[in-house]
Amino acid sequence: MFLLQATVAHRFSYGILRFDLLYLLAAYVALEANPRGALVSALLIGLLRDMGSTGAMGANALIMALAAWGLTAVRSHVARELILADAMLVFLFALFCGGVEAGGIALFNGSAQWGSLMGQAFGQAALTAVLCPLLFAAYRRIGLVDRPRAAQAR
């Protein structure tokens, strides 16, 4: 996902509409894996995202771990039988990550406008959520997360 994000994803962006495959991967793991594995995975995925950015190392890792922690806390309280629920959770995950990142950029860069950065975060969250059904189905098919037998019986 990191290689696809770094090499191909920018070709499918239009204005504020762009997607983030690493957000999708972290959100999927946070929704499907055990909480400890989800947090460790989110940290590692965030570090990968940090390596591909010019920001401070560890910033995305911390943001993604916080967002993953939030998803692990609410996932059992959401009826996830409909893919729309997963898409909404991915939207909120990506909006939180992008919003915190936008706030950090606006805070530390006086020339950055918070409103336009939030618009970009919203656009990114929206398009990432649209891709959720397709990639979640692919992740399930390849068995990205080893689910317990009880979860498969549902």
N, C-alpha and C. Protein backbone atom coordinates (compact mmCIF):
# COMPACT_ATOMS: atom_id res chain seq x y z
N MET A 1 0.82 -1.19 0.00
CA MET A 1 0.00 0.00 0.00
C MET A 1 0.86 1.26 0.00
N PHE A 2 1.97 1.21 0.74
CA PHE A 2 2.86 2.37 0.79
C PHE A 2 3.40 2.69 -0.60
N LEU A 3 3.83 1.67 -1.32
CA LEU A 3 4.37 1.90 -2.66
C LEU A 3 3.30 2.44 -3.61
N LEU A 4 2.10 1.88 -3.54
CA LEU A 4 1.01 2.41 -4.37
C LEU A 4 0.66 3.85 -4.00
N GLN A 5 0.64 4.13 -2.71
CA GLN A 5 0.33 5.49 -2.26
C GLN A 5 1.39 6.47 -2.75
N ALA A 6 2.65 6.07 -2.65
CA ALA A 6 3.74 6.98 -3.00
C ALA A 6 3.92 7.13 -4.50
N THR A 7 3.54 6.14 -5.29
CA THR A 7 3.83 6.19 -6.72
C THR A 7 2.62 6.43 -7.61
N VAL A 8 1.45 5.95 -7.23
CA VAL A 8 0.30 5.97 -8.13
C VAL A 8 -0.85 6.86 -7.65
N ALA A 9 -1.05 6.96 -6.36
CA ALA A 9 -2.25 7.63 -5.83
C ALA A 9 -2.40 9.07 -6.30
N HIS A 10 -1.30 9.78 -6.42
CA HIS A 10 -1.40 11.19 -6.82
C HIS A 10 -1.96 11.36 -8.23
N ARG A 11 -1.87 10.34 -9.04
CA ARG A 11 -2.40 10.42 -10.41
C ARG A 11 -3.93 10.39 -10.44
N PHE A 12 -4.54 9.95 -9.36
CA PHE A 12 -5.98 9.86 -9.30
C PHE A 12 -6.60 10.95 -8.43
N SER A 13 -5.88 12.03 -8.24
CA SER A 13 -6.41 13.13 -7.44
C SER A 13 -6.92 14.23 -8.34
N TYR A 14 -7.89 14.95 -7.83
CA TYR A 14 -8.46 16.07 -8.56
C TYR A 14 -8.83 17.14 -7.54
N GLY A 15 -8.08 18.20 -7.52
CA GLY A 15 -8.33 19.26 -6.54
C GLY A 15 -8.13 18.73 -5.13
N ILE A 16 -9.18 18.89 -4.32
CA ILE A 16 -9.09 18.41 -2.95
C ILE A 16 -9.42 16.92 -2.83
N LEU A 17 -9.89 16.32 -3.92
CA LEU A 17 -10.26 14.91 -3.89
C LEU A 17 -9.04 14.05 -4.17
N ARG A 18 -8.60 13.35 -3.14
CA ARG A 18 -7.52 12.38 -3.25
C ARG A 18 -7.77 11.32 -2.21
N PHE A 19 -7.17 10.18 -2.39
CA PHE A 19 -7.38 9.11 -1.41
C PHE A 19 -6.08 8.76 -0.74
N ASP A 20 -6.20 8.09 0.39
CA ASP A 20 -5.02 7.66 1.13
C ASP A 20 -5.17 6.18 1.44
N LEU A 21 -4.38 5.37 0.77
CA LEU A 21 -4.44 3.93 0.95
C LEU A 21 -3.94 3.49 2.32
N LEU A 22 -3.04 4.27 2.90
CA LEU A 22 -2.53 3.92 4.23
C LEU A 22 -3.58 4.16 5.31
N TYR A 23 -4.39 5.20 5.16
CA TYR A 23 -5.51 5.39 6.09
C TYR A 23 -6.48 4.22 5.99
N LEU A 24 -6.75 3.79 4.75
CA LEU A 24 -7.67 2.66 4.57
C LEU A 24 -7.13 1.39 5.22
N LEU A 25 -5.85 1.14 5.04
CA LEU A 25 -5.24 -0.05 5.62
C LEU A 25 -5.29 0.00 7.15
N ALA A 26 -4.93 1.14 7.72
CA ALA A 26 -4.94 1.28 9.18
C ALA A 26 -6.36 1.17 9.73
N ALA A 27 -7.32 1.75 9.04
CA ALA A 27 -8.71 1.67 9.49
C ALA A 27 -9.22 0.23 9.44
N TYR A 28 -8.89 -0.49 8.37
CA TYR A 28 -9.32 -1.88 8.26
C TYR A 28 -8.77 -2.71 9.40
N VAL A 29 -7.48 -2.56 9.67
CA VAL A 29 -6.86 -3.33 10.74
C VAL A 29 -7.48 -2.94 12.09
N ALA A 30 -7.76 -1.65 12.29
CA ALA A 30 -8.38 -1.21 13.54
C ALA A 30 -9.78 -1.79 13.71
N LEU A 31 -10.49 -2.01 12.61
CA LEU A 31 -11.84 -2.55 12.69
C LEU A 31 -11.87 -4.07 12.81
N GLU A 32 -10.82 -4.74 12.33
CA GLU A 32 -10.87 -6.20 12.27
C GLU A 32 -9.93 -6.93 13.22
N ALA A 33 -8.80 -6.35 13.57
CA ALA A 33 -7.80 -7.05 14.38
C ALA A 33 -8.06 -6.85 15.87
N ASN A 34 -7.34 -7.61 16.70
CA ASN A 34 -7.46 -7.39 18.13
C ASN A 34 -6.87 -6.01 18.46
N PRO A 35 -7.30 -5.40 19.55
CA PRO A 35 -6.90 -4.02 19.84
C PRO A 35 -5.39 -3.80 19.90
N ARG A 36 -4.65 -4.70 20.52
CA ARG A 36 -3.20 -4.52 20.61
C ARG A 36 -2.56 -4.56 19.22
N GLY A 37 -2.95 -5.54 18.42
CA GLY A 37 -2.43 -5.64 17.06
C GLY A 37 -2.82 -4.44 16.20
N ALA A 38 -4.03 -3.93 16.43
CA ALA A 38 -4.48 -2.75 15.67
C ALA A 38 -3.64 -1.52 16.00
N LEU A 39 -3.33 -1.33 17.28
CA LEU A 39 -2.53 -0.16 17.66
C LEU A 39 -1.10 -0.27 17.16
N VAL A 40 -0.51 -1.44 17.26
CA VAL A 40 0.85 -1.63 16.76
C VAL A 40 0.88 -1.44 15.24
N SER A 41 -0.10 -1.99 14.56
CA SER A 41 -0.18 -1.84 13.11
C SER A 41 -0.35 -0.38 12.72
N ALA A 42 -1.21 0.33 13.44
CA ALA A 42 -1.41 1.75 13.13
C ALA A 42 -0.13 2.55 13.33
N LEU A 43 0.62 2.24 14.39
CA LEU A 43 1.90 2.91 14.60
C LEU A 43 2.86 2.64 13.45
N LEU A 44 2.95 1.40 13.02
CA LEU A 44 3.86 1.05 11.94
C LEU A 44 3.42 1.67 10.61
N ILE A 45 2.13 1.65 10.34
CA ILE A 45 1.62 2.26 9.12
C ILE A 45 1.85 3.77 9.17
N GLY A 46 1.67 4.37 10.33
CA GLY A 46 1.94 5.79 10.49
C GLY A 46 3.40 6.13 10.27
N LEU A 47 4.29 5.25 10.73
CA LEU A 47 5.72 5.47 10.49
C LEU A 47 6.04 5.38 9.00
N LEU A 48 5.40 4.47 8.30
CA LEU A 48 5.57 4.41 6.84
C LEU A 48 5.11 5.71 6.19
N ARG A 49 3.97 6.21 6.66
CA ARG A 49 3.45 7.47 6.12
C ARG A 49 4.40 8.61 6.44
N ASP A 50 5.00 8.60 7.63
CA ASP A 50 5.98 9.62 8.00
C ASP A 50 7.20 9.57 7.09
N MET A 51 7.61 8.36 6.72
CA MET A 51 8.78 8.24 5.84
C MET A 51 8.52 8.84 4.47
N GLY A 52 7.27 8.85 4.05
CA GLY A 52 6.91 9.41 2.75
C GLY A 52 6.54 10.87 2.80
N SER A 53 6.66 11.51 3.96
CA SER A 53 6.30 12.92 4.07
C SER A 53 7.49 13.74 4.53
N THR A 54 7.30 15.04 4.51
CA THR A 54 8.37 15.94 4.97
C THR A 54 8.14 16.40 6.40
N GLY A 55 7.11 15.89 7.04
CA GLY A 55 6.79 16.28 8.42
C GLY A 55 7.69 15.60 9.43
N ALA A 56 7.41 15.87 10.68
CA ALA A 56 8.18 15.30 11.78
C ALA A 56 7.96 13.79 11.85
N MET A 57 9.04 13.07 12.05
CA MET A 57 8.95 11.62 12.15
C MET A 57 8.20 11.24 13.42
N GLY A 58 7.18 10.43 13.27
CA GLY A 58 6.39 9.98 14.40
C GLY A 58 5.07 10.71 14.54
N ALA A 59 4.90 11.84 13.86
CA ALA A 59 3.66 12.60 13.99
C ALA A 59 2.48 11.82 13.44
N ASN A 60 2.59 11.30 12.22
CA ASN A 60 1.50 10.51 11.65
C ASN A 60 1.29 9.22 12.41
N ALA A 61 2.36 8.65 12.92
CA ALA A 61 2.23 7.41 13.70
C ALA A 61 1.38 7.65 14.94
N LEU A 62 1.62 8.75 15.62
CA LEU A 62 0.84 9.07 16.82
C LEU A 62 -0.62 9.35 16.47
N ILE A 63 -0.82 10.14 15.43
CA ILE A 63 -2.19 10.47 15.01
C ILE A 63 -2.95 9.21 14.61
N MET A 64 -2.32 8.35 13.82
CA MET A 64 -3.00 7.13 13.37
C MET A 64 -3.25 6.17 14.52
N ALA A 65 -2.34 6.11 15.49
CA ALA A 65 -2.56 5.25 16.65
C ALA A 65 -3.74 5.75 17.47
N LEU A 66 -3.86 7.07 17.63
CA LEU A 66 -5.01 7.63 18.35
C LEU A 66 -6.32 7.33 17.62
N ALA A 67 -6.31 7.50 16.31
CA ALA A 67 -7.51 7.22 15.52
C ALA A 67 -7.86 5.73 15.57
N ALA A 68 -6.84 4.87 15.51
CA ALA A 68 -7.08 3.42 15.59
C ALA A 68 -7.63 3.04 16.96
N TRP A 69 -7.11 3.66 18.00
CA TRP A 69 -7.62 3.42 19.35
C TRP A 69 -9.11 3.79 19.42
N GLY A 70 -9.46 4.91 18.81
CA GLY A 70 -10.87 5.32 18.77
C GLY A 70 -11.74 4.32 18.03
N LEU A 71 -11.26 3.82 16.91
CA LEU A 71 -12.04 2.83 16.16
C LEU A 71 -12.20 1.53 16.94
N THR A 72 -11.13 1.09 17.61
CA THR A 72 -11.25 -0.14 18.39
C THR A 72 -12.23 0.03 19.54
N ALA A 73 -12.37 1.25 20.04
CA ALA A 73 -13.30 1.50 21.14
C ALA A 73 -14.76 1.51 20.68
N VAL A 74 -15.03 1.95 19.46
CA VAL A 74 -16.42 2.07 19.01
C VAL A 74 -16.87 0.94 18.10
N ARG A 75 -15.97 0.13 17.62
CA ARG A 75 -16.35 -0.86 16.61
C ARG A 75 -17.38 -1.87 17.10
N SER A 76 -17.36 -2.21 18.35
CA SER A 76 -18.33 -3.18 18.85
C SER A 76 -19.71 -2.56 19.09
N HIS A 77 -19.80 -1.25 19.07
CA HIS A 77 -21.07 -0.55 19.29
C HIS A 77 -21.74 -0.13 18.01
N VAL A 78 -21.15 -0.47 16.87
CA VAL A 78 -21.69 -0.07 15.57
C VAL A 78 -22.13 -1.33 14.83
N ALA A 79 -23.33 -1.29 14.27
CA ALA A 79 -23.81 -2.40 13.47
C ALA A 79 -23.10 -2.35 12.12
N ARG A 80 -22.12 -3.21 11.96
CA ARG A 80 -21.27 -3.15 10.78
C ARG A 80 -21.70 -4.12 9.68
N GLU A 81 -22.93 -4.57 9.71
CA GLU A 81 -23.41 -5.47 8.67
C GLU A 81 -23.49 -4.75 7.32
N LEU A 82 -23.78 -3.48 7.35
CA LEU A 82 -23.84 -2.69 6.12
C LEU A 82 -22.48 -2.07 5.84
N ILE A 83 -22.06 -2.12 4.60
CA ILE A 83 -20.76 -1.55 4.24
C ILE A 83 -20.77 -0.03 4.43
N LEU A 84 -21.94 0.57 4.44
CA LEU A 84 -22.04 2.01 4.67
C LEU A 84 -21.52 2.38 6.06
N ALA A 85 -21.72 1.50 7.03
CA ALA A 85 -21.20 1.76 8.38
C ALA A 85 -19.67 1.76 8.36
N ASP A 86 -19.07 0.80 7.66
CA ASP A 86 -17.61 0.79 7.54
C ASP A 86 -17.11 2.04 6.82
N ALA A 87 -17.80 2.43 5.76
CA ALA A 87 -17.39 3.62 5.01
C ALA A 87 -17.47 4.87 5.89
N MET A 88 -18.49 4.95 6.72
CA MET A 88 -18.61 6.11 7.62
C MET A 88 -17.50 6.10 8.66
N LEU A 89 -17.18 4.94 9.19
CA LEU A 89 -16.09 4.85 10.16
C LEU A 89 -14.74 5.21 9.52
N VAL A 90 -14.53 4.78 8.28
CA VAL A 90 -13.30 5.13 7.56
C VAL A 90 -13.27 6.64 7.30
N PHE A 91 -14.42 7.21 6.94
CA PHE A 91 -14.49 8.65 6.73
C PHE A 91 -14.09 9.41 8.00
N LEU A 92 -14.64 9.00 9.13
CA LEU A 92 -14.30 9.66 10.40
C LEU A 92 -12.84 9.46 10.77
N PHE A 93 -12.31 8.26 10.53
CA PHE A 93 -10.90 7.96 10.79
C PHE A 93 -10.01 8.89 9.97
N ALA A 94 -10.27 8.95 8.66
CA ALA A 94 -9.45 9.78 7.76
C ALA A 94 -9.63 11.26 8.05
N LEU A 95 -10.84 11.68 8.39
CA LEU A 95 -11.09 13.09 8.70
C LEU A 95 -10.37 13.49 9.99
N PHE A 96 -10.38 12.62 10.98
CA PHE A 96 -9.65 12.90 12.22
C PHE A 96 -8.16 13.04 11.92
N CYS A 97 -7.59 12.04 11.22
CA CYS A 97 -6.15 12.07 10.92
C CYS A 97 -5.80 13.30 10.09
N GLY A 98 -6.55 13.55 9.04
CA GLY A 98 -6.28 14.71 8.19
C GLY A 98 -6.51 16.03 8.90
N GLY A 99 -7.53 16.08 9.75
CA GLY A 99 -7.82 17.31 10.49
C GLY A 99 -6.75 17.65 11.50
N VAL A 100 -6.26 16.64 12.22
CA VAL A 100 -5.18 16.88 13.18
C VAL A 100 -3.91 17.29 12.45
N GLU A 101 -3.64 16.63 11.33
CA GLU A 101 -2.47 17.00 10.52
C GLU A 101 -2.61 18.44 10.00
N ALA A 102 -3.79 18.80 9.53
CA ALA A 102 -4.03 20.16 9.04
C ALA A 102 -3.86 21.18 10.17
N GLY A 103 -4.36 20.85 11.34
CA GLY A 103 -4.20 21.75 12.49
C GLY A 103 -2.75 21.94 12.86
N GLY A 104 -1.98 20.86 12.81
CA GLY A 104 -0.54 20.96 13.10
C GLY A 104 0.19 21.80 12.08
N ILE A 105 -0.14 21.63 10.82
CA ILE A 105 0.50 22.43 9.77
C ILE A 105 0.15 23.90 9.94
N ALA A 106 -1.13 24.18 10.19
CA ALA A 106 -1.56 25.57 10.36
C ALA A 106 -0.93 26.20 11.60
N LEU A 107 -0.76 25.41 12.64
CA LEU A 107 -0.19 25.93 13.88
C LEU A 107 1.29 26.28 13.72
N PHE A 108 2.03 25.42 13.03
CA PHE A 108 3.46 25.62 12.93
C PHE A 108 3.91 26.34 11.67
N ASN A 109 2.98 26.61 10.77
CA ASN A 109 3.31 27.34 9.55
C ASN A 109 2.36 28.52 9.44
N GLY A 110 2.84 29.68 9.72
CA GLY A 110 2.00 30.87 9.76
C GLY A 110 1.31 31.20 8.45
N SER A 111 1.89 30.78 7.31
CA SER A 111 1.29 31.12 6.03
C SER A 111 0.21 30.14 5.59
N ALA A 112 0.11 28.99 6.26
CA ALA A 112 -0.90 27.99 5.89
C ALA A 112 -2.27 28.42 6.39
N GLN A 113 -3.28 28.25 5.53
CA GLN A 113 -4.64 28.60 5.91
C GLN A 113 -5.38 27.35 6.35
N TRP A 114 -5.86 27.40 7.59
CA TRP A 114 -6.49 26.24 8.20
C TRP A 114 -7.73 25.80 7.43
N GLY A 115 -8.49 26.74 6.92
CA GLY A 115 -9.72 26.40 6.20
C GLY A 115 -9.45 25.59 4.94
N SER A 116 -8.48 25.98 4.16
CA SER A 116 -8.17 25.22 2.93
C SER A 116 -7.57 23.86 3.27
N LEU A 117 -6.77 23.81 4.34
CA LEU A 117 -6.22 22.53 4.76
C LEU A 117 -7.32 21.58 5.23
N MET A 118 -8.32 22.10 5.92
CA MET A 118 -9.44 21.27 6.36
C MET A 118 -10.28 20.82 5.17
N GLY A 119 -10.39 21.68 4.16
CA GLY A 119 -11.08 21.28 2.93
C GLY A 119 -10.38 20.10 2.27
N GLN A 120 -9.06 20.15 2.24
CA GLN A 120 -8.30 19.04 1.68
C GLN A 120 -8.48 17.77 2.53
N ALA A 121 -8.49 17.93 3.85
CA ALA A 121 -8.70 16.78 4.73
C ALA A 121 -10.08 16.17 4.51
N PHE A 122 -11.09 17.02 4.32
CA PHE A 122 -12.45 16.53 4.07
C PHE A 122 -12.52 15.79 2.73
N GLY A 123 -11.92 16.38 1.70
CA GLY A 123 -11.92 15.73 0.39
C GLY A 123 -11.20 14.39 0.41
N GLN A 124 -10.09 14.35 1.13
CA GLN A 124 -9.34 13.11 1.24
C GLN A 124 -10.15 12.06 2.00
N ALA A 125 -10.80 12.46 3.07
CA ALA A 125 -11.62 11.52 3.84
C ALA A 125 -12.78 11.00 3.01
N ALA A 126 -13.40 11.87 2.23
CA ALA A 126 -14.55 11.46 1.41
C ALA A 126 -14.14 10.43 0.36
N LEU A 127 -13.09 10.70 -0.38
CA LEU A 127 -12.68 9.77 -1.43
C LEU A 127 -12.11 8.48 -0.85
N THR A 128 -11.45 8.56 0.28
CA THR A 128 -10.95 7.36 0.94
C THR A 128 -12.11 6.48 1.37
N ALA A 129 -13.17 7.09 1.89
CA ALA A 129 -14.36 6.32 2.31
C ALA A 129 -15.06 5.68 1.12
N VAL A 130 -15.03 6.34 -0.03
CA VAL A 130 -15.65 5.77 -1.23
C VAL A 130 -14.91 4.50 -1.67
N LEU A 131 -13.60 4.47 -1.49
CA LEU A 131 -12.82 3.28 -1.87
C LEU A 131 -12.92 2.15 -0.86
N CYS A 132 -13.47 2.44 0.30
CA CYS A 132 -13.53 1.47 1.39
C CYS A 132 -14.15 0.13 0.99
N PRO A 133 -15.32 0.07 0.36
CA PRO A 133 -15.91 -1.24 0.06
C PRO A 133 -15.02 -2.11 -0.83
N LEU A 134 -14.40 -1.51 -1.81
CA LEU A 134 -13.56 -2.26 -2.73
C LEU A 134 -12.33 -2.84 -2.03
N LEU A 135 -11.61 -2.00 -1.31
CA LEU A 135 -10.39 -2.47 -0.66
C LEU A 135 -10.67 -3.36 0.55
N PHE A 136 -11.74 -3.08 1.29
CA PHE A 136 -12.07 -3.96 2.41
C PHE A 136 -12.39 -5.36 1.90
N ALA A 137 -13.10 -5.46 0.77
CA ALA A 137 -13.40 -6.77 0.19
C ALA A 137 -12.11 -7.48 -0.22
N ALA A 138 -11.18 -6.74 -0.79
CA ALA A 138 -9.90 -7.33 -1.18
C ALA A 138 -9.11 -7.78 0.05
N TYR A 139 -9.11 -6.97 1.09
CA TYR A 139 -8.39 -7.33 2.32
C TYR A 139 -8.99 -8.60 2.94
N ARG A 140 -10.32 -8.69 2.92
CA ARG A 140 -10.96 -9.88 3.48
C ARG A 140 -10.62 -11.12 2.65
N ARG A 141 -10.62 -10.93 1.35
CA ARG A 141 -10.36 -12.06 0.45
C ARG A 141 -8.95 -12.61 0.62
N ILE A 142 -7.98 -11.74 0.80
CA ILE A 142 -6.60 -12.23 0.96
C ILE A 142 -6.30 -12.63 2.39
N GLY A 143 -7.24 -12.39 3.31
CA GLY A 143 -7.04 -12.79 4.71
C GLY A 143 -6.02 -11.93 5.42
N LEU A 144 -6.09 -10.64 5.22
CA LEU A 144 -5.13 -9.72 5.82
C LEU A 144 -5.09 -9.83 7.34
N VAL A 145 -6.27 -9.98 7.94
CA VAL A 145 -6.36 -10.12 9.39
C VAL A 145 -6.91 -11.51 9.68
N ASP A 146 -6.23 -12.24 10.56
CA ASP A 146 -6.66 -13.56 10.96
C ASP A 146 -7.77 -13.40 11.99
N ARG A 147 -8.99 -13.60 11.56
CA ARG A 147 -10.13 -13.44 12.46
C ARG A 147 -10.35 -14.70 13.29
N PRO A 148 -10.80 -14.52 14.52
CA PRO A 148 -11.17 -15.69 15.33
C PRO A 148 -12.36 -16.42 14.71
N ARG A 149 -12.47 -17.70 15.01
CA ARG A 149 -13.57 -18.49 14.43
C ARG A 149 -14.95 -17.94 14.84
N ALA A 150 -15.06 -17.39 16.01
CA ALA A 150 -16.36 -16.86 16.47
C ALA A 150 -16.79 -15.70 15.59
N ALA A 151 -15.86 -14.86 15.17
CA ALA A 151 -16.21 -13.72 14.33
C ALA A 151 -16.60 -14.19 12.94
N GLN A 152 -16.00 -15.29 12.45
CA GLN A 152 -16.34 -15.79 11.13
C GLN A 152 -17.71 -16.45 11.13
N ALA A 153 -18.15 -16.96 12.27
CA ALA A 153 -19.44 -17.65 12.34
C ALA A 153 -20.60 -16.67 12.24
N ARG A 154 -20.38 -15.39 12.57
CA ARG A 154 -21.46 -14.40 12.49
C ARG A 154 -21.87 -14.28 11.11
